[in-house]
Amino acid sequence: GGPSPLSEPEAAALASLCEEEPADIAVSLHSQGQEIYWNYRGYEPPESREIAERLALAGGYRAVALTESDAGFKDWFIMKFKKPGFTVELGLGRNPLPLEDFEDLTLETGQILAAILSQ
């Protein structure tokens, strides 16, 4: 995090890329929780919940509507573009996730990303 939205170089670069090359959907990969967050203060399009539920099913995760979430990439993308955006909380356990979980996480991530690409 930084002192203000888009104050950090990587956040500014990602925002610039999104504005230059508009996408139909955004996915932010985080760890951990085996959850997929899909909403932001009512800015999300109506299909977001259904897409999140399909992604959750593909990876064995839960689709979760957050009520007090701000400042993430997903939130900015949804608010700025009014398109579906998702934060995927990969894995479950201690932080950082152990290296022995890598194969399972790779499979889960691949299944979720394949479901996104099939949209």
Protein backbone atom coordinates (compact mmCIF):
# COMPACT_ATOMS: atom_id res chain seq x y z
CA GLY A 1 0.00 0.00 0.00
CA GLY A 2 0.95 3.58 -0.41
CA PRO A 3 -0.14 6.96 0.91
CA SER A 4 -2.82 7.40 -1.75
CA PRO A 5 -4.51 5.47 -4.58
CA LEU A 6 -2.12 4.70 -7.45
CA SER A 7 0.80 6.31 -5.59
CA GLU A 8 3.01 3.23 -5.91
CA PRO A 9 4.82 2.68 -9.24
CA GLU A 10 3.46 -0.82 -9.83
CA ALA A 11 -0.12 0.33 -9.18
CA ALA A 12 0.30 3.32 -11.51
CA ALA A 13 1.78 1.09 -14.23
CA LEU A 14 -1.09 -1.40 -13.97
CA ALA A 15 -3.69 1.39 -14.10
CA SER A 16 -1.98 2.90 -17.13
CA LEU A 17 -1.94 -0.46 -18.91
CA CYS A 18 -5.65 -0.97 -18.20
CA GLU A 19 -6.48 2.46 -19.58
CA GLU A 20 -4.36 1.96 -22.71
CA GLU A 21 -5.48 -1.64 -23.37
CA PRO A 22 -9.03 -1.97 -22.03
CA ALA A 23 -9.95 -5.45 -20.82
CA ASP A 24 -13.35 -7.08 -20.50
CA ILE A 25 -12.53 -8.62 -17.13
CA ALA A 26 -9.86 -8.27 -14.42
CA VAL A 27 -8.44 -10.81 -12.02
CA SER A 28 -6.16 -10.09 -9.10
CA LEU A 29 -4.42 -13.10 -7.58
CA HIS A 30 -3.74 -12.96 -3.84
CA SER A 31 -3.23 -15.47 -1.07
CA GLN A 32 -5.02 -16.83 0.93
CA GLY A 33 -8.56 -17.94 1.76
CA GLN A 34 -9.94 -20.02 -1.13
CA GLU A 35 -12.43 -17.23 -1.85
CA ILE A 36 -13.31 -15.13 -4.86
CA TYR A 37 -14.43 -11.55 -4.26
CA TRP A 38 -16.53 -10.10 -7.05
CA ASN A 39 -18.32 -6.91 -6.00
CA TYR A 40 -17.51 -3.30 -5.18
CA ARG A 41 -20.08 -0.93 -3.70
CA GLY A 42 -22.68 -1.67 -6.39
CA TYR A 43 -20.46 -0.64 -9.32
CA GLU A 44 -20.11 -4.22 -10.55
CA PRO A 45 -22.19 -5.32 -13.55
CA PRO A 46 -25.07 -7.74 -12.88
CA GLU A 47 -23.27 -10.75 -14.38
CA SER A 48 -20.40 -10.51 -11.87
CA ARG A 49 -21.99 -12.75 -9.25
CA GLU A 50 -22.77 -15.50 -11.77
CA ILE A 51 -19.23 -15.38 -13.18
CA ALA A 52 -17.77 -15.52 -9.65
CA GLU A 53 -19.87 -18.55 -8.84
CA ARG A 54 -18.61 -20.33 -11.98
CA LEU A 55 -15.01 -19.45 -11.11
CA ALA A 56 -15.50 -20.66 -7.55
CA LEU A 57 -16.94 -23.93 -8.76
CA ALA A 58 -14.00 -24.42 -11.15
CA GLY A 59 -11.42 -23.99 -8.39
CA GLY A 60 -13.32 -25.40 -5.43
CA TYR A 61 -13.51 -21.94 -3.82
CA ARG A 62 -16.35 -19.80 -2.43
CA ALA A 63 -17.73 -16.71 -4.18
CA VAL A 64 -18.00 -13.97 -1.56
CA ALA A 65 -19.60 -10.51 -1.68
CA LEU A 66 -17.57 -8.11 0.46
CA THR A 67 -19.14 -5.16 2.22
CA GLU A 68 -16.13 -3.32 3.60
CA SER A 69 -13.42 -3.60 0.99
CA ASP A 70 -11.62 -0.66 -0.56
CA ALA A 71 -8.43 0.16 -2.40
CA GLY A 72 -7.74 -3.11 -4.20
CA PHE A 73 -7.09 -3.44 -7.92
CA LYS A 74 -10.41 -5.25 -8.39
CA ASP A 75 -12.25 -2.39 -6.70
CA TRP A 76 -10.57 0.24 -8.86
CA PHE A 77 -11.18 -1.74 -12.06
CA ILE A 78 -14.87 -2.30 -11.31
CA MET A 79 -15.43 1.35 -10.37
CA LYS A 80 -13.45 2.76 -13.30
CA PHE A 81 -14.70 0.50 -16.10
CA LYS A 82 -18.00 -0.93 -14.72
CA LYS A 83 -16.83 -4.37 -15.85
CA PRO A 84 -16.40 -7.62 -13.90
CA GLY A 85 -13.39 -7.75 -11.63
CA PHE A 86 -12.32 -10.45 -9.21
CA THR A 87 -9.85 -10.98 -6.41
CA VAL A 88 -8.95 -14.65 -6.13
CA GLU A 89 -7.55 -15.57 -2.71
CA LEU A 90 -5.46 -18.62 -3.59
CA GLY A 91 -4.84 -21.41 -1.14
CA LEU A 92 -5.63 -21.83 2.52
CA GLY A 93 -3.40 -22.24 5.56
CA ARG A 94 -0.53 -20.34 7.02
CA ASN A 95 1.04 -17.26 5.47
CA PRO A 96 3.12 -17.46 3.43
CA LEU A 97 1.66 -20.56 1.90
CA PRO A 98 4.09 -23.46 2.04
CA LEU A 99 5.98 -24.53 -1.05
CA GLU A 100 4.51 -28.02 -0.80
CA ASP A 101 1.10 -26.47 -1.69
CA PHE A 102 2.43 -25.22 -5.03
CA GLU A 103 1.15 -28.08 -7.19
CA ASP A 104 -2.38 -27.88 -5.78
CA LEU A 105 -2.39 -24.08 -6.09
CA THR A 106 -1.20 -24.32 -9.67
CA LEU A 107 -4.03 -26.69 -10.52
CA GLU A 108 -6.66 -24.52 -8.76
CA THR A 109 -5.34 -21.35 -10.40
CA GLY A 110 -5.31 -22.99 -13.82
CA GLN A 111 -8.89 -24.17 -13.44
CA ILE A 112 -10.04 -20.70 -12.38
CA LEU A 113 -8.16 -18.96 -15.18
CA ALA A 114 -9.49 -21.45 -17.73
CA ALA A 115 -13.01 -20.65 -16.54
CA ILE A 116 -12.30 -16.94 -17.00
CA LEU A 117 -11.01 -17.49 -20.52
CA SER A 118 -14.16 -19.41 -21.41
CA GLN A 119 -16.32 -16.34 -20.69
